[in-house]
C-alpha cells in the first residue's frame, strides 16, 4: 500500500483534516490530496514534514521490504 494512502487512513481514523495537515506542513492542498489518493508521490521532505505535524516518526508509515529479484 502506498504511503500516501496509509497517511490518509490515519487522518480519517484520527479525525484530522487534510486542510489542517496541508496548512501546518505548508504543502499545497491539491498536491497533498493527490499524494494521499495515490495520484502522485510525496517527496521525502513533504513526508517528513507531514510526520512532524502528525507527531509520528518517519518510520511510522513505512515497512521494510525485500528488494525485487531479477
PDB file of N, CA and C in Angstrom:
ATOM      1  N   UNK A   1       0.850  -1.185   0.000  1.00  0.00           N
ATOM      2  CA  UNK A   1       0.000   0.000   0.000  1.00  0.00           C
ATOM      3  C   UNK A   1       0.894   1.245   0.000  1.00  0.00           C
ATOM      4  N   UNK A   2       0.506   2.232  -0.761  1.00  0.00           N
ATOM      5  CA  UNK A   2       1.259   3.470  -0.865  1.00  0.00           C
ATOM      6  C   UNK A   2       1.241   4.245   0.452  1.00  0.00           C
ATOM      7  N   UNK A   3       2.326   4.945   0.716  1.00  0.00           N
ATOM      8  CA  UNK A   3       2.460   5.714   1.952  1.00  0.00           C
ATOM      9  C   UNK A   3       1.356   6.767   2.062  1.00  0.00           C
ATOM     10  N   UNK A   4       1.069   7.463   0.963  1.00  0.00           N
ATOM     11  CA  UNK A   4       0.037   8.500   0.993  1.00  0.00           C
ATOM     12  C   UNK A   4      -1.313   7.959   1.428  1.00  0.00           C
ATOM     13  N   UNK A   5      -1.658   6.784   0.950  1.00  0.00           N
ATOM     14  CA  UNK A   5      -2.941   6.175   1.308  1.00  0.00           C
ATOM     15  C   UNK A   5      -2.948   5.781   2.785  1.00  0.00           C
ATOM     16  N   UNK A   6      -1.809   5.309   3.286  1.00  0.00           N
ATOM     17  CA  UNK A   6      -1.706   4.988   4.718  1.00  0.00           C
ATOM     18  C   UNK A   6      -1.897   6.243   5.557  1.00  0.00           C
ATOM     19  N   UNK A   7      -1.302   7.339   5.106  1.00  0.00           N
ATOM     20  CA  UNK A   7      -1.461   8.599   5.837  1.00  0.00           C
ATOM     21  C   UNK A   7      -2.924   9.041   5.803  1.00  0.00           C
ATOM     22  N   UNK A   8      -3.565   8.922   4.655  1.00  0.00           N
ATOM     23  CA  UNK A   8      -4.978   9.302   4.527  1.00  0.00           C
ATOM     24  C   UNK A   8      -5.839   8.498   5.500  1.00  0.00           C
ATOM     25  N   UNK A   9      -5.596   7.198   5.581  1.00  0.00           N
ATOM     26  CA  UNK A   9      -6.352   6.360   6.518  1.00  0.00           C
ATOM     27  C   UNK A   9      -6.101   6.784   7.962  1.00  0.00           C
ATOM     28  N   UNK A  10      -4.855   7.137   8.274  1.00  0.00           N
ATOM     29  CA  UNK A  10      -4.511   7.612   9.622  1.00  0.00           C
ATOM     30  C   UNK A  10      -5.280   8.894   9.936  1.00  0.00           C
ATOM     31  N   UNK A  11      -5.304   9.822   8.979  1.00  0.00           N
ATOM     32  CA  UNK A  11      -6.024  11.077   9.184  1.00  0.00           C
ATOM     33  C   UNK A  11      -7.498  10.821   9.443  1.00  0.00           C
ATOM     34  N   UNK A  12      -8.100   9.977   8.617  1.00  0.00           N
ATOM     35  CA  UNK A  12      -9.531   9.682   8.757  1.00  0.00           C
ATOM     36  C   UNK A  12      -9.838   9.025  10.090  1.00  0.00           C
ATOM     37  N   UNK A  13      -9.005   8.076  10.501  1.00  0.00           N
ATOM     38  CA  UNK A  13      -9.280   7.364  11.757  1.00  0.00           C
ATOM     39  C   UNK A  13      -9.014   8.220  12.995  1.00  0.00           C
ATOM     40  N   UNK A  14      -8.267   9.312  12.821  1.00  0.00           N
ATOM     41  CA  UNK A  14      -7.966  10.193  13.958  1.00  0.00           C
ATOM     42  C   UNK A  14      -8.664  11.543  13.873  1.00  0.00           C
ATOM     43  N   UNK A  15      -9.564  11.696  12.903  1.00  0.00           N
ATOM     44  CA  UNK A  15     -10.342  12.926  12.774  1.00  0.00           C
ATOM     45  C   UNK A  15      -9.504  14.155  12.446  1.00  0.00           C
ATOM     46  N   UNK A  16      -8.450  13.968  11.662  1.00  0.00           N
ATOM     47  CA  UNK A  16      -7.567  15.069  11.280  1.00  0.00           C
ATOM     48  C   UNK A  16      -7.843  15.412   9.819  1.00  0.00           C
ATOM     49  N   UNK A  17      -8.035  16.681   9.534  1.00  0.00           N
ATOM     50  CA  UNK A  17      -8.354  17.074   8.160  1.00  0.00           C
ATOM     51  C   UNK A  17      -7.096  17.255   7.316  1.00  0.00           C
ATOM     52  N   UNK A  18      -7.256  17.003   6.038  1.00  0.00           N
ATOM     53  CA  UNK A  18      -6.167  17.240   5.090  1.00  0.00           C
ATOM     54  C   UNK A  18      -5.818  18.722   5.067  1.00  0.00           C
ATOM     55  N   UNK A  19      -6.824  19.578   5.221  1.00  0.00           N
ATOM     56  CA  UNK A  19      -6.588  21.025   5.215  1.00  0.00           C
ATOM     57  C   UNK A  19      -5.658  21.413   6.362  1.00  0.00           C
ATOM     58  N   UNK A  20      -5.874  20.847   7.540  1.00  0.00           N
ATOM     59  CA  UNK A  20      -5.012  21.126   8.691  1.00  0.00           C
ATOM     60  C   UNK A  20      -3.582  20.707   8.401  1.00  0.00           C
ATOM     61  N   UNK A  21      -3.406  19.484   7.907  1.00  0.00           N
ATOM     62  CA  UNK A  21      -2.065  18.968   7.637  1.00  0.00           C
ATOM     63  C   UNK A  21      -1.382  19.816   6.570  1.00  0.00           C
ATOM     64  N   UNK A  22      -2.090  20.130   5.505  1.00  0.00           N
ATOM     65  CA  UNK A  22      -1.514  20.945   4.440  1.00  0.00           C
ATOM     66  C   UNK A  22      -1.076  22.306   4.940  1.00  0.00           C
ATOM     67  N   UNK A  23      -1.919  22.918   5.756  1.00  0.00           N
ATOM     68  CA  UNK A  23      -1.607  24.240   6.300  1.00  0.00           C
ATOM     69  C   UNK A  23      -0.384  24.175   7.215  1.00  0.00           C
ATOM     70  N   UNK A  24      -0.382  23.218   8.145  1.00  0.00           N
ATOM     71  CA  UNK A  24       0.711  23.102   9.106  1.00  0.00           C
ATOM     72  C   UNK A  24       2.023  22.675   8.448  1.00  0.00           C
ATOM     73  N   UNK A  25       1.931  21.853   7.400  1.00  0.00           N
ATOM     74  CA  UNK A  25       3.132  21.357   6.715  1.00  0.00           C
ATOM     75  C   UNK A  25       3.548  22.268   5.563  1.00  0.00           C
ATOM     76  N   UNK A  26       2.729  23.284   5.294  1.00  0.00           N
ATOM     77  CA  UNK A  26       2.988  24.212   4.191  1.00  0.00           C
ATOM     78  C   UNK A  26       3.109  23.471   2.854  1.00  0.00           C
ATOM     79  N   UNK A  27       2.135  22.583   2.623  1.00  0.00           N
ATOM     80  CA  UNK A  27       2.065  21.827   1.367  1.00  0.00           C
ATOM     81  C   UNK A  27       0.791  22.245   0.648  1.00  0.00           C
ATOM     82  N   UNK A  28       0.913  22.531  -0.629  1.00  0.00           N
ATOM     83  CA  UNK A  28      -0.240  22.901  -1.442  1.00  0.00           C
ATOM     84  C   UNK A  28      -1.329  21.846  -1.260  1.00  0.00           C
ATOM     85  N   UNK A  29      -2.570  22.271  -0.942  1.00  0.00           N
ATOM     86  CA  UNK A  29      -3.640  21.296  -0.678  1.00  0.00           C
ATOM     87  C   UNK A  29      -3.929  20.348  -1.840  1.00  0.00           C
ATOM     88  N   UNK A  30      -3.798  20.821  -3.073  1.00  0.00           N
ATOM     89  CA  UNK A  30      -4.040  19.958  -4.235  1.00  0.00           C
ATOM     90  C   UNK A  30      -2.955  18.880  -4.302  1.00  0.00           C
ATOM     91  N   UNK A  31      -1.687  19.274  -4.115  1.00  0.00           N
ATOM     92  CA  UNK A  31      -0.588  18.305  -4.132  1.00  0.00           C
ATOM     93  C   UNK A  31      -0.751  17.276  -3.010  1.00  0.00           C
ATOM     94  N   UNK A  32      -1.120  17.744  -1.825  1.00  0.00           N
ATOM     95  CA  UNK A  32      -1.302  16.831  -0.697  1.00  0.00           C
ATOM     96  C   UNK A  32      -2.435  15.852  -0.989  1.00  0.00           C
ATOM     97  N   UNK A  33      -3.550  16.357  -1.481  1.00  0.00           N
ATOM     98  CA  UNK A  33      -4.681  15.485  -1.791  1.00  0.00           C
ATOM     99  C   UNK A  33      -4.314  14.444  -2.831  1.00  0.00           C
ATOM    100  N   UNK A  34      -3.578  14.850  -3.855  1.00  0.00           N
ATOM    101  CA  UNK A  34      -3.160  13.894  -4.876  1.00  0.00           C
ATOM    102  C   UNK A  34      -2.261  12.816  -4.270  1.00  0.00           C
ATOM    103  N   UNK A  35      -1.346  13.212  -3.384  1.00  0.00           N
ATOM    104  CA  UNK A  35      -0.450  12.247  -2.737  1.00  0.00           C
ATOM    105  C   UNK A  35      -1.230  11.295  -1.840  1.00  0.00           C
ATOM    106  N   UNK A  36      -2.217  11.815  -1.129  1.00  0.00           N
ATOM    107  CA  UNK A  36      -2.991  10.983  -0.212  1.00  0.00           C
ATOM    108  C   UNK A  36      -3.959  10.057  -0.942  1.00  0.00           C
ATOM    109  N   UNK A  37      -4.185  10.324  -2.208  1.00  0.00           N
ATOM    110  CA  UNK A  37      -5.056   9.464  -3.015  1.00  0.00           C
ATOM    111  C   UNK A  37      -4.268   8.610  -4.004  1.00  0.00           C
ATOM    112  N   UNK A  38      -2.934   8.577  -3.841  1.00  0.00           N
ATOM    113  CA  UNK A  38      -2.094   7.725  -4.673  1.00  0.00           C
ATOM    114  C   UNK A  38      -1.894   8.207  -6.091  1.00  0.00           C
ATOM    115  N   UNK A  39      -2.142   9.508  -6.348  1.00  0.00           N
ATOM    116  CA  UNK A  39      -2.021  10.027  -7.711  1.00  0.00           C
ATOM    117  C   UNK A  39      -0.704  10.750  -7.953  1.00  0.00           C
ATOM    118  N   UNK A  40       0.080  10.928  -6.898  1.00  0.00           N
ATOM    119  CA  UNK A  40       1.433  11.472  -7.032  1.00  0.00           C
ATOM    120  C   UNK A  40       2.250  10.986  -5.847  1.00  0.00           C
ATOM    121  N   UNK A  41       3.554  10.935  -6.046  1.00  0.00           N
ATOM    122  CA  UNK A  41       4.440  10.524  -4.957  1.00  0.00           C
ATOM    123  C   UNK A  41       4.812  11.739  -4.124  1.00  0.00           C
ATOM    124  N   UNK A  42       4.807  11.533  -2.835  1.00  0.00           N
ATOM    125  CA  UNK A  42       5.208  12.570  -1.912  1.00  0.00           C
ATOM    126  C   UNK A  42       6.735  12.621  -1.864  1.00  0.00           C
ATOM    127  N   UNK A  43       7.314  13.812  -1.839  1.00  0.00           N
ATOM    128  CA  UNK A  43       8.759  13.907  -1.679  1.00  0.00           C
ATOM    129  C   UNK A  43       9.110  13.530  -0.241  1.00  0.00           C
ATOM    130  N   UNK A  44      10.379  13.188  -0.007  1.00  0.00           N
ATOM    131  CA  UNK A  44      10.766  12.848   1.358  1.00  0.00           C
ATOM    132  C   UNK A  44      10.623  14.057   2.268  1.00  0.00           C
ATOM    133  N   UNK A  45      10.928  15.254   1.771  1.00  0.00           N
ATOM    134  CA  UNK A  45      10.757  16.459   2.591  1.00  0.00           C
ATOM    135  C   UNK A  45       9.291  16.641   2.990  1.00  0.00           C
ATOM    136  N   UNK A  46       8.383  16.461   2.038  1.00  0.00           N
ATOM    137  CA  UNK A  46       6.953  16.558   2.354  1.00  0.00           C
ATOM    138  C   UNK A  46       6.567  15.499   3.370  1.00  0.00           C
ATOM    139  N   UNK A  47       7.017  14.266   3.133  1.00  0.00           N
ATOM    140  CA  UNK A  47       6.684  13.156   4.027  1.00  0.00           C
ATOM    141  C   UNK A  47       7.180  13.417   5.444  1.00  0.00           C
ATOM    142  N   UNK A  48       8.427  13.840   5.577  1.00  0.00           N
ATOM    143  CA  UNK A  48       8.983  14.057   6.913  1.00  0.00           C
ATOM    144  C   UNK A  48       8.275  15.215   7.615  1.00  0.00           C
ATOM    145  N   UNK A  49       7.862  16.236   6.868  1.00  0.00           N
ATOM    146  CA  UNK A  49       7.128  17.351   7.460  1.00  0.00           C
ATOM    147  C   UNK A  49       5.740  16.910   7.907  1.00  0.00           C
ATOM    148  N   UNK A  50       5.065  16.108   7.098  1.00  0.00           N
ATOM    149  CA  UNK A  50       3.751  15.576   7.477  1.00  0.00           C
ATOM    150  C   UNK A  50       3.877  14.731   8.752  1.00  0.00           C
ATOM    151  N   UNK A  51       4.892  13.894   8.820  1.00  0.00           N
ATOM    152  CA  UNK A  51       5.115  13.090  10.029  1.00  0.00           C
ATOM    153  C   UNK A  51       5.325  13.984  11.242  1.00  0.00           C
ATOM    154  N   UNK A  52       6.088  15.058  11.077  1.00  0.00           N
ATOM    155  CA  UNK A  52       6.315  16.003  12.176  1.00  0.00           C
ATOM    156  C   UNK A  52       4.992  16.601  12.638  1.00  0.00           C
ATOM    157  N   UNK A  53       4.174  17.051  11.679  1.00  0.00           N
ATOM    158  CA  UNK A  53       2.874  17.650  12.009  1.00  0.00           C
ATOM    159  C   UNK A  53       1.994  16.649  12.759  1.00  0.00           C
ATOM    160  N   UNK A  54       2.053  15.379  12.353  1.00  0.00           N
ATOM    161  CA  UNK A  54       1.227  14.349  12.985  1.00  0.00           C
ATOM    162  C   UNK A  54       1.837  13.828  14.289  1.00  0.00           C
ATOM    163  N   UNK A  55       3.084  14.195  14.567  1.00  0.00           N
ATOM    164  CA  UNK A  55       3.740  13.767  15.805  1.00  0.00           C
ATOM    165  C   UNK A  55       4.147  12.307  15.792  1.00  0.00           C
ATOM    166  N   UNK A  56       4.501  11.797  14.595  1.00  0.00           N
ATOM    167  CA  UNK A  56       4.950  10.408  14.480  1.00  0.00           C
ATOM    168  C   UNK A  56       6.341  10.374  13.853  1.00  0.00           C
ATOM    169  N   UNK A  57       7.078   9.309  14.107  1.00  0.00           N
ATOM    170  CA  UNK A  57       8.389   9.127  13.489  1.00  0.00           C
ATOM    171  C   UNK A  57       8.227   8.822  12.009  1.00  0.00           C
ATOM    172  N   UNK A  58       9.269   9.086  11.237  1.00  0.00           N
ATOM    173  CA  UNK A  58       9.185   8.863   9.793  1.00  0.00           C
ATOM    174  C   UNK A  58       9.031   7.396   9.428  1.00  0.00           C
ATOM    175  N   UNK A  59       9.331   6.490  10.341  1.00  0.00           N
ATOM    176  CA  UNK A  59       9.149   5.069  10.029  1.00  0.00           C
ATOM    177  C   UNK A  59       7.732   4.574  10.333  1.00  0.00           C
ATOM    178  N   UNK A  60       6.877   5.447  10.824  1.00  0.00           N
ATOM    179  CA  UNK A  60       5.527   5.046  11.232  1.00  0.00           C
ATOM    180  C   UNK A  60       4.717   4.445  10.080  1.00  0.00           C
ATOM    181  N   UNK A  61       4.808   5.026   8.903  1.00  0.00           N
ATOM    182  CA  UNK A  61       4.015   4.575   7.755  1.00  0.00           C
ATOM    183  C   UNK A  61       4.808   3.693   6.796  1.00  0.00           C
ATOM    184  N   UNK A  62       6.075   3.465   7.105  1.00  0.00           N
ATOM    185  CA  UNK A  62       6.941   2.678   6.224  1.00  0.00           C
ATOM    186  C   UNK A  62       7.226   1.318   6.816  1.00  0.00           C
ATOM    187  N   UNK A  63       7.279   0.329   5.973  1.00  0.00           N
ATOM    188  CA  UNK A  63       7.640  -1.033   6.381  1.00  0.00           C
ATOM    189  C   UNK A  63       8.767  -1.510   5.484  1.00  0.00           C
ATOM    190  N   UNK A  64       9.788  -2.164   6.053  1.00  0.00           N
ATOM    191  CA  UNK A  64      10.872  -2.678   5.210  1.00  0.00           C
ATOM    192  C   UNK A  64      10.357  -3.749   4.252  1.00  0.00           C
ATOM    193  N   UNK A  65      10.995  -3.841   3.112  1.00  0.00           N
ATOM    194  CA  UNK A  65      10.629  -4.887   2.153  1.00  0.00           C
ATOM    195  C   UNK A  65      11.867  -5.389   1.441  1.00  0.00           C
ATOM    196  N   UNK A  66      11.784  -6.599   0.993  1.00  0.00           N
ATOM    197  CA  UNK A  66      12.881  -7.200   0.248  1.00  0.00           C
ATOM    198  C   UNK A  66      12.971  -6.550  -1.118  1.00  0.00           C
ATOM    199  N   UNK A  67      14.181  -6.354  -1.616  1.00  0.00           N
ATOM    200  CA  UNK A  67      14.303  -5.826  -2.976  1.00  0.00           C
ATOM    201  C   UNK A  67      13.793  -6.850  -3.996  1.00  0.00           C
ATOM    202  N   UNK A  68      13.325  -6.337  -5.111  1.00  0.00           N
ATOM    203  CA  UNK A  68      12.890  -7.227  -6.193  1.00  0.00           C
ATOM    204  C   UNK A  68      14.082  -8.014  -6.716  1.00  0.00           C
ATOM    205  N   UNK A  69      13.890  -9.289  -6.945  1.00  0.00           N
ATOM    206  CA  UNK A  69      14.963 -10.115  -7.509  1.00  0.00           C
ATOM    207  C   UNK A  69      14.839 -10.128  -9.018  1.00  0.00           C
ATOM    208  N   UNK A  70      15.991 -10.105  -9.659  1.00  0.00           N
ATOM    209  CA  UNK A  70      15.988 -10.087 -11.130  1.00  0.00           C
ATOM    210  C   UNK A  70      16.170 -11.472 -11.683  1.00  0.00           C
TER     211      UNK A  70
END
